Structures are given as C-alpha cells and as structure tokens.
Amino acid sequence: MPELSFACVGAEPEPYAASPSLRLTLRIDEASGVRMHTVALRCQLRIEPQRRTYSGEEAARLSELFGDTSRWADTLKPMQLATIGVMVPGFTNSAEVALVVPLTADTEVATAKYFHGCTDGVIPLLLLFSGTAFFHGEPGLQVELVPWHLEARYALPVPVWRAVMDQHFPGSTWIGVRAETLDGLRRYRTAVGALNWDDTLARLLKEGSS
C-alpha cells in the first residue's frame, strides 16, 4: 500500500495567469516503493495567523480584521484561502507538482485584508490533503483514498505575495465600491477634470482635510 507524504518546497508568482495567482511547488514522497499510476489530489489551504508575531504597525493594520490586540487570543483563527484540485502524473518514490492558487486583490475579503496587513515576514499556510490514489499492486491497478490526516505547513514570504500583486497591479491596489458610489465618483472626476481614479481620490482626501 502507498505511504504518501507531502511538503511545500517553494512559491512564486504564476507568470501566465490572467488574474493574481500564486504557484506553490508541492513535493510528494512515496516510501513503500510502489509505482503510483496517478493521484487525483485535493488540497485545502488555510492561513494560520496565530502562528506568527506582529509588529505594532501590523497590529494597527490588522485591527479591522481581528480587533484590539487584547482580543487576539480569541480572534486569531485559521482562515480558508482556497481549495485546489490537481492530477498528479505517475511516479515512483517522489514527484513535484504545481498548485496554482488564485488570490484576490479585493481588500474587502478577509484573506486579502490579512495579506495587506502583513508588512514583512511570512504568511503561515496549512495545506490539508485528500483525494484518490491509483497505484500498481500485486493484482494490478488498485485504488486507495489519500488519508485525511496528511498535511503540510509552509511559510510563504510576504514579498512573494507582493510580487504576485505587483504583477497585475504594479504600485497600486484595488477596492470595491457600490455602483452608486462609482457613479458619484465618475461625476466628480468629470467635474474636476481628474486624470485618473488615484487623482480623483487624492482630490477628495485633500478637500476633506481642508
């Protein structure tokens, strides 16, 4: 019977994605020596915010998400990031496969708020695995479920996440507004002759502070 284990061994921006995506390199080891025909793998990714420390600046940036630091013992809970399915080709002993993880730039989404709140260090990720393994045994092709207890942890460097965002939104970010708010911004932009949305918002901020 297969003896599978998993490890995330690298991360980089997915270069050909149409939207922000992270490419994780997953190594799969098989210890019994059986020939794996294929693995229909399912990976659930979670962020584990309680597994790192935060600077004062980061704590302030994350207060909207987790509240005051006095409550963090209760509020720093794992967050679901994505569930990815991938077909692993046949191998013996070990193989590497890419997990392409879509990321959102929408700062109203909790995971994006967390990413934006971390200025340095790493993002603690937990990868949980399930699926179906097909392997060559004594009677021929056999099938076994990937055990639910298999998991891997990965410390994703914050600069890698920033590189993903910069690939699609260089030097900028994205916010969602209601349709009527956007209509009002359009009218204001036209009235003041602002060159772009950044200039439009900068003018509004200046007017609000004067």
C-alpha atoms as a PDB file:
ATOM      1  CA  MET A   1       0.000   0.000   0.000  1.00  0.00           C
ATOM      2  CA  PRO A   2       1.259   3.533  -0.719  1.00  0.00           C
ATOM      3  CA  GLU A   3       2.873   5.534   2.067  1.00  0.00           C
ATOM      4  CA  LEU A   4       2.442   9.125   0.943  1.00  0.00           C
ATOM      5  CA  SER A   5       3.760  12.334   2.470  1.00  0.00           C
ATOM      6  CA  PHE A   6       3.632  15.935   1.254  1.00  0.00           C
ATOM      7  CA  ALA A   7       5.797  19.039   1.536  1.00  0.00           C
ATOM      8  CA  CYS A   8       5.538  22.504   0.004  1.00  0.00           C
ATOM      9  CA  VAL A   9       9.036  23.360  -1.205  1.00  0.00           C
ATOM     10  CA  GLY A  10       8.644  26.681  -3.000  1.00  0.00           C
ATOM     11  CA  ALA A  11       6.406  29.547  -4.095  1.00  0.00           C
ATOM     12  CA  GLU A  12       6.451  32.139  -6.851  1.00  0.00           C
ATOM     13  CA  PRO A  13       4.007  34.260  -8.865  1.00  0.00           C
ATOM     14  CA  GLU A  14       2.248  32.287 -11.600  1.00  0.00           C
ATOM     15  CA  PRO A  15       3.645  34.064 -14.699  1.00  0.00           C
ATOM     16  CA  TYR A  16       0.861  33.276 -17.173  1.00  0.00           C
ATOM     17  CA  ALA A  17      -2.247  33.779 -15.027  1.00  0.00           C
ATOM     18  CA  ALA A  18      -4.920  36.229 -16.184  1.00  0.00           C
ATOM     19  CA  SER A  19      -5.525  37.265 -12.563  1.00  0.00           C
ATOM     20  CA  PRO A  20      -3.311  37.272  -9.442  1.00  0.00           C
ATOM     21  CA  SER A  21      -2.220  33.689  -8.773  1.00  0.00           C
ATOM     22  CA  LEU A  22       0.382  32.035  -6.589  1.00  0.00           C
ATOM     23  CA  ARG A  23       2.287  28.983  -7.812  1.00  0.00           C
ATOM     24  CA  LEU A  24       3.202  26.570  -4.990  1.00  0.00           C
ATOM     25  CA  THR A  25       5.570  23.674  -5.675  1.00  0.00           C
ATOM     26  CA  LEU A  26       4.350  20.544  -3.913  1.00  0.00           C
ATOM     27  CA  ARG A  27       6.651  17.549  -3.394  1.00  0.00           C
ATOM     28  CA  ILE A  28       5.018  14.148  -2.948  1.00  0.00           C
ATOM     29  CA  ASP A  29       7.050  11.290  -1.480  1.00  0.00           C
ATOM     30  CA  GLU A  30       6.038   7.624  -1.530  1.00  0.00           C
ATOM     31  CA  ALA A  31       8.002   5.465   0.960  1.00  0.00           C
ATOM     32  CA  SER A  32       6.892   1.895   0.187  1.00  0.00           C
ATOM     33  CA  GLY A  33       8.325   1.742  -3.355  1.00  0.00           C
ATOM     34  CA  VAL A  34       5.052   1.004  -5.176  1.00  0.00           C
ATOM     35  CA  ARG A  35       4.545   2.504  -8.611  1.00  0.00           C
ATOM     36  CA  MET A  36       1.962   5.316  -8.466  1.00  0.00           C
ATOM     37  CA  HIS A  37      -0.246   5.439 -11.549  1.00  0.00           C
ATOM     38  CA  THR A  38      -1.813   8.811 -10.700  1.00  0.00           C
ATOM     39  CA  VAL A  39      -3.221  10.754  -7.774  1.00  0.00           C
ATOM     40  CA  ALA A  40      -6.424  12.787  -8.020  1.00  0.00           C
ATOM     41  CA  LEU A  41      -5.396  15.203  -5.294  1.00  0.00           C
ATOM     42  CA  ARG A  42      -7.423  17.803  -3.464  1.00  0.00           C
ATOM     43  CA  CYS A  43      -5.652  20.406  -1.336  1.00  0.00           C
ATOM     44  CA  GLN A  44      -7.338  22.761   1.114  1.00  0.00           C
ATOM     45  CA  LEU A  45      -5.224  25.806   2.008  1.00  0.00           C
ATOM     46  CA  ARG A  46      -5.658  27.750   5.213  1.00  0.00           C
ATOM     47  CA  ILE A  47      -3.928  30.786   6.675  1.00  0.00           C
ATOM     48  CA  GLU A  48      -2.880  30.306  10.308  1.00  0.00           C
ATOM     49  CA  PRO A  49      -2.457  33.889  11.634  1.00  0.00           C
ATOM     50  CA  GLN A  50      -1.812  32.677  15.188  1.00  0.00           C
ATOM     51  CA  ARG A  51       1.478  31.057  14.135  1.00  0.00           C
ATOM     52  CA  ARG A  52       3.486  34.291  13.794  1.00  0.00           C
ATOM     53  CA  THR A  53       4.158  37.511  15.694  1.00  0.00           C
ATOM     54  CA  TYR A  54       3.231  41.016  14.511  1.00  0.00           C
ATOM     55  CA  SER A  55       4.840  44.436  14.718  1.00  0.00           C
ATOM     56  CA  GLY A  56       2.967  47.426  16.123  1.00  0.00           C
ATOM     57  CA  GLU A  57       2.335  48.691  12.598  1.00  0.00           C
ATOM     58  CA  GLU A  58       0.965  45.329  11.509  1.00  0.00           C
ATOM     59  CA  ALA A  59      -1.267  45.123  14.593  1.00  0.00           C
ATOM     60  CA  ALA A  60      -2.753  48.516  13.706  1.00  0.00           C
ATOM     61  CA  ARG A  61      -3.317  47.474  10.089  1.00  0.00           C
ATOM     62  CA  LEU A  62      -4.994  44.237  11.186  1.00  0.00           C
ATOM     63  CA  SER A  63      -7.242  45.751  13.860  1.00  0.00           C
ATOM     64  CA  GLU A  64     -10.199  45.910  11.453  1.00  0.00           C
ATOM     65  CA  LEU A  65      -9.872  42.167  10.899  1.00  0.00           C
ATOM     66  CA  PHE A  66      -9.002  40.883  14.380  1.00  0.00           C
ATOM     67  CA  GLY A  67      -9.929  43.741  16.709  1.00  0.00           C
ATOM     68  CA  ASP A  68      -7.747  45.087  19.504  1.00  0.00           C
ATOM     69  CA  THR A  69      -4.653  43.022  20.347  1.00  0.00           C
ATOM     70  CA  SER A  70      -6.139  42.276  23.770  1.00  0.00           C
ATOM     71  CA  ARG A  71      -8.665  40.040  21.974  1.00  0.00           C
ATOM     72  CA  TRP A  72      -6.230  38.291  19.635  1.00  0.00           C
ATOM     73  CA  ALA A  73      -6.088  35.134  21.759  1.00  0.00           C
ATOM     74  CA  ASP A  74      -9.705  34.582  20.684  1.00  0.00           C
ATOM     75  CA  THR A  75      -9.850  36.246  17.267  1.00  0.00           C
ATOM     76  CA  LEU A  76      -6.694  34.928  15.530  1.00  0.00           C
ATOM     77  CA  LYS A  77      -8.361  31.898  13.954  1.00  0.00           C
ATOM     78  CA  PRO A  78      -7.462  29.963  10.767  1.00  0.00           C
ATOM     79  CA  MET A  79      -8.875  31.415   7.544  1.00  0.00           C
ATOM     80  CA  GLN A  80      -9.820  29.421   4.466  1.00  0.00           C
ATOM     81  CA  LEU A  81      -7.752  30.583   1.472  1.00  0.00           C
ATOM     82  CA  ALA A  82      -8.604  28.147  -1.355  1.00  0.00           C
ATOM     83  CA  THR A  83      -9.324  24.547  -2.314  1.00  0.00           C
ATOM     84  CA  ILE A  84      -7.309  23.319  -5.291  1.00  0.00           C
ATOM     85  CA  GLY A  85      -7.631  20.108  -7.299  1.00  0.00           C
ATOM     86  CA  VAL A  86      -4.711  18.697  -9.289  1.00  0.00           C
ATOM     87  CA  MET A  87      -3.958  15.448 -11.163  1.00  0.00           C
ATOM     88  CA  VAL A  88      -0.530  14.096 -10.239  1.00  0.00           C
ATOM     89  CA  PRO A  89       1.103  12.054 -13.060  1.00  0.00           C
ATOM     90  CA  GLY A  90       2.551   8.596 -12.406  1.00  0.00           C
ATOM     91  CA  PHE A  91       5.767   8.361 -10.382  1.00  0.00           C
ATOM     92  CA  THR A  92       7.922   6.157  -8.184  1.00  0.00           C
ATOM     93  CA  ASN A  93       9.473   7.410  -4.934  1.00  0.00           C
ATOM     94  CA  SER A  94       8.781  11.124  -5.405  1.00  0.00           C
ATOM     95  CA  ALA A  95       7.350  13.769  -7.695  1.00  0.00           C
ATOM     96  CA  GLU A  96       6.763  17.507  -7.791  1.00  0.00           C
ATOM     97  CA  VAL A  97       3.587  19.195  -8.981  1.00  0.00           C
ATOM     98  CA  ALA A  98       2.404  22.808  -9.159  1.00  0.00           C
ATOM     99  CA  LEU A  99      -0.564  24.106  -7.186  1.00  0.00           C
ATOM    100  CA  VAL A 100      -1.872  27.322  -8.744  1.00  0.00           C
ATOM    101  CA  VAL A 101      -3.717  29.295  -6.076  1.00  0.00           C
ATOM    102  CA  PRO A 102      -5.953  32.205  -7.170  1.00  0.00           C
ATOM    103  CA  LEU A 103      -5.630  35.298  -4.964  1.00  0.00           C
ATOM    104  CA  THR A 104      -7.924  38.285  -4.732  1.00  0.00           C
ATOM    105  CA  ALA A 105      -6.887  41.914  -4.589  1.00  0.00           C
ATOM    106  CA  ASP A 106     -10.277  42.906  -3.128  1.00  0.00           C
ATOM    107  CA  THR A 107      -9.446  44.456   0.240  1.00  0.00           C
ATOM    108  CA  GLU A 108     -12.977  43.722   1.496  1.00  0.00           C
ATOM    109  CA  VAL A 109     -12.164  39.988   1.500  1.00  0.00           C
ATOM    110  CA  ALA A 110     -10.747  38.789   4.830  1.00  0.00           C
ATOM    111  CA  THR A 111      -7.764  36.931   3.364  1.00  0.00           C
ATOM    112  CA  ALA A 112      -6.766  39.968   1.265  1.00  0.00           C
ATOM    113  CA  LYS A 113      -7.076  42.205   4.333  1.00  0.00           C
ATOM    114  CA  TYR A 114      -4.705  39.864   6.130  1.00  0.00           C
ATOM    115  CA  PHE A 115      -2.163  39.813   3.296  1.00  0.00           C
ATOM    116  CA  HIS A 116      -2.269  43.609   3.023  1.00  0.00           C
ATOM    117  CA  GLY A 117      -1.834  43.925   6.789  1.00  0.00           C
ATOM    118  CA  CYS A 118       1.437  41.984   6.864  1.00  0.00           C
ATOM    119  CA  THR A 119       4.334  44.266   6.029  1.00  0.00           C
ATOM    120  CA  ASP A 120       7.161  41.741   6.373  1.00  0.00           C
ATOM    121  CA  GLY A 121       7.977  38.201   7.441  1.00  0.00           C
ATOM    122  CA  VAL A 122       5.880  35.247   6.332  1.00  0.00           C
ATOM    123  CA  ILE A 123       2.286  34.115   5.853  1.00  0.00           C
ATOM    124  CA  PRO A 124       1.815  30.797   7.749  1.00  0.00           C
ATOM    125  CA  LEU A 125      -0.030  28.367   5.474  1.00  0.00           C
ATOM    126  CA  LEU A 126      -1.507  24.966   6.295  1.00  0.00           C
ATOM    127  CA  LEU A 127      -2.137  22.524   3.425  1.00  0.00           C
ATOM    128  CA  LEU A 128      -4.640  19.711   4.067  1.00  0.00           C
ATOM    129  CA  PHE A 129      -4.864  16.829   1.596  1.00  0.00           C
ATOM    130  CA  SER A 130      -7.494  14.375   0.418  1.00  0.00           C
ATOM    131  CA  GLY A 131      -8.288  12.591  -2.838  1.00  0.00           C
ATOM    132  CA  THR A 132      -7.799   9.236  -4.546  1.00  0.00           C
ATOM    133  CA  ALA A 133      -4.526   7.422  -5.259  1.00  0.00           C
ATOM    134  CA  PHE A 134      -4.223   4.894  -8.106  1.00  0.00           C
ATOM    135  CA  PHE A 135      -1.227   2.552  -7.872  1.00  0.00           C
ATOM    136  CA  HIS A 136       0.168  -0.679  -9.316  1.00  0.00           C
ATOM    137  CA  GLY A 137      -0.182  -3.559  -6.857  1.00  0.00           C
ATOM    138  CA  GLU A 138       0.047  -7.362  -6.979  1.00  0.00           C
ATOM    139  CA  PRO A 139      -3.431  -7.872  -8.555  1.00  0.00           C
ATOM    140  CA  GLY A 140      -2.969  -4.955 -10.943  1.00  0.00           C
ATOM    141  CA  LEU A 141      -4.213  -1.372 -10.686  1.00  0.00           C
ATOM    142  CA  GLN A 142      -5.520  -0.585  -7.215  1.00  0.00           C
ATOM    143  CA  VAL A 143      -7.262   2.378  -5.608  1.00  0.00           C
ATOM    144  CA  GLU A 144      -6.876   3.939  -2.166  1.00  0.00           C
ATOM    145  CA  LEU A 145      -8.070   7.171  -0.582  1.00  0.00           C
ATOM    146  CA  VAL A 146      -5.470   9.746   0.351  1.00  0.00           C
ATOM    147  CA  PRO A 147      -5.545   9.767   4.185  1.00  0.00           C
ATOM    148  CA  TRP A 148      -7.244  12.796   5.696  1.00  0.00           C
ATOM    149  CA  HIS A 149      -4.548  13.244   8.348  1.00  0.00           C
ATOM    150  CA  LEU A 150      -1.868  14.148   5.780  1.00  0.00           C
ATOM    151  CA  GLU A 151      -0.906  17.827   5.854  1.00  0.00           C
ATOM    152  CA  ALA A 152       1.994  20.208   5.286  1.00  0.00           C
ATOM    153  CA  ARG A 153       2.912  23.670   6.501  1.00  0.00           C
ATOM    154  CA  TYR A 154       4.610  26.401   4.513  1.00  0.00           C
ATOM    155  CA  ALA A 155       5.905  29.836   5.498  1.00  0.00           C
ATOM    156  CA  LEU A 156       5.040  31.988   2.477  1.00  0.00           C
ATOM    157  CA  PRO A 157       7.327  35.049   2.340  1.00  0.00           C
ATOM    158  CA  VAL A 158       5.307  38.272   2.262  1.00  0.00           C
ATOM    159  CA  PRO A 159       7.481  39.613  -0.625  1.00  0.00           C
ATOM    160  CA  VAL A 160       6.299  36.698  -2.786  1.00  0.00           C
ATOM    161  CA  TRP A 161       2.672  37.707  -2.237  1.00  0.00           C
ATOM    162  CA  ARG A 162       3.567  41.308  -3.044  1.00  0.00           C
ATOM    163  CA  ALA A 163       5.262  40.165  -6.260  1.00  0.00           C
ATOM    164  CA  VAL A 164       2.017  38.393  -7.245  1.00  0.00           C
ATOM    165  CA  MET A 165       0.043  41.616  -6.727  1.00  0.00           C
ATOM    166  CA  ASP A 166       2.643  43.823  -8.429  1.00  0.00           C
ATOM    167  CA  GLN A 167       2.482  41.574 -11.482  1.00  0.00           C
ATOM    168  CA  HIS A 168      -1.152  42.616 -12.014  1.00  0.00           C
ATOM    169  CA  PHE A 169      -1.472  45.867 -10.032  1.00  0.00           C
ATOM    170  CA  PRO A 170       2.016  47.442 -10.012  1.00  0.00           C
ATOM    171  CA  GLY A 171       2.311  50.125  -7.355  1.00  0.00           C
ATOM    172  CA  SER A 172      -1.431  50.099  -6.713  1.00  0.00           C
ATOM    173  CA  THR A 173      -4.258  48.111  -5.158  1.00  0.00           C
ATOM    174  CA  TRP A 174      -7.962  47.507  -5.691  1.00  0.00           C
ATOM    175  CA  ILE A 175     -11.042  48.464  -3.690  1.00  0.00           C
ATOM    176  CA  GLY A 176     -14.682  47.573  -4.280  1.00  0.00           C
ATOM    177  CA  VAL A 177     -17.422  50.214  -4.083  1.00  0.00           C
ATOM    178  CA  ARG A 178     -21.166  50.216  -4.654  1.00  0.00           C
ATOM    179  CA  ALA A 179     -22.408  51.065  -8.139  1.00  0.00           C
ATOM    180  CA  GLU A 180     -23.976  54.338  -6.968  1.00  0.00           C
ATOM    181  CA  THR A 181     -20.702  55.324  -5.273  1.00  0.00           C
ATOM    182  CA  LEU A 182     -18.835  54.736  -8.528  1.00  0.00           C
ATOM    183  CA  ASP A 183     -21.397  56.841 -10.420  1.00  0.00           C
ATOM    184  CA  GLY A 184     -20.827  59.676  -7.962  1.00  0.00           C
ATOM    185  CA  LEU A 185     -17.064  59.381  -8.323  1.00  0.00           C
ATOM    186  CA  ARG A 186     -17.393  59.485 -12.114  1.00  0.00           C
ATOM    187  CA  ARG A 187     -19.423  62.707 -11.935  1.00  0.00           C
ATOM    188  CA  TYR A 188     -16.898  64.260  -9.565  1.00  0.00           C
ATOM    189  CA  ARG A 189     -13.966  63.164 -11.739  1.00  0.00           C
ATOM    190  CA  THR A 190     -15.548  64.725 -14.798  1.00  0.00           C
ATOM    191  CA  ALA A 191     -16.388  67.937 -12.947  1.00  0.00           C
ATOM    192  CA  VAL A 192     -12.851  68.489 -11.637  1.00  0.00           C
ATOM    193  CA  GLY A 193     -11.078  67.112 -14.708  1.00  0.00           C
ATOM    194  CA  ALA A 194      -9.088  64.496 -12.769  1.00  0.00           C
ATOM    195  CA  LEU A 195      -6.721  62.432 -14.929  1.00  0.00           C
ATOM    196  CA  ASN A 196      -7.359  59.083 -13.211  1.00  0.00           C
ATOM    197  CA  TRP A 197      -9.029  57.474 -10.200  1.00  0.00           C
ATOM    198  CA  ASP A 198      -5.987  57.971  -7.987  1.00  0.00           C
ATOM    199  CA  ASP A 199      -6.032  61.687  -8.709  1.00  0.00           C
ATOM    200  CA  THR A 200      -9.795  61.757  -8.093  1.00  0.00           C
ATOM    201  CA  LEU A 201      -9.483  60.207  -4.648  1.00  0.00           C
ATOM    202  CA  ALA A 202      -6.457  62.346  -3.772  1.00  0.00           C
ATOM    203  CA  ARG A 203      -8.507  65.486  -4.544  1.00  0.00           C
ATOM    204  CA  LEU A 204     -11.357  64.240  -2.344  1.00  0.00           C
ATOM    205  CA  LEU A 205      -8.977  63.492   0.520  1.00  0.00           C
ATOM    206  CA  LYS A 206      -7.424  66.940   0.197  1.00  0.00           C
ATOM    207  CA  GLU A 207     -10.849  68.604   0.227  1.00  0.00           C
ATOM    208  CA  GLY A 208     -11.902  66.529   3.244  1.00  0.00           C
ATOM    209  CA  SER A 209      -8.835  67.517   5.258  1.00  0.00           C
ATOM    210  CA  SER A 210      -9.009  71.217   4.445  1.00  0.00           C
END
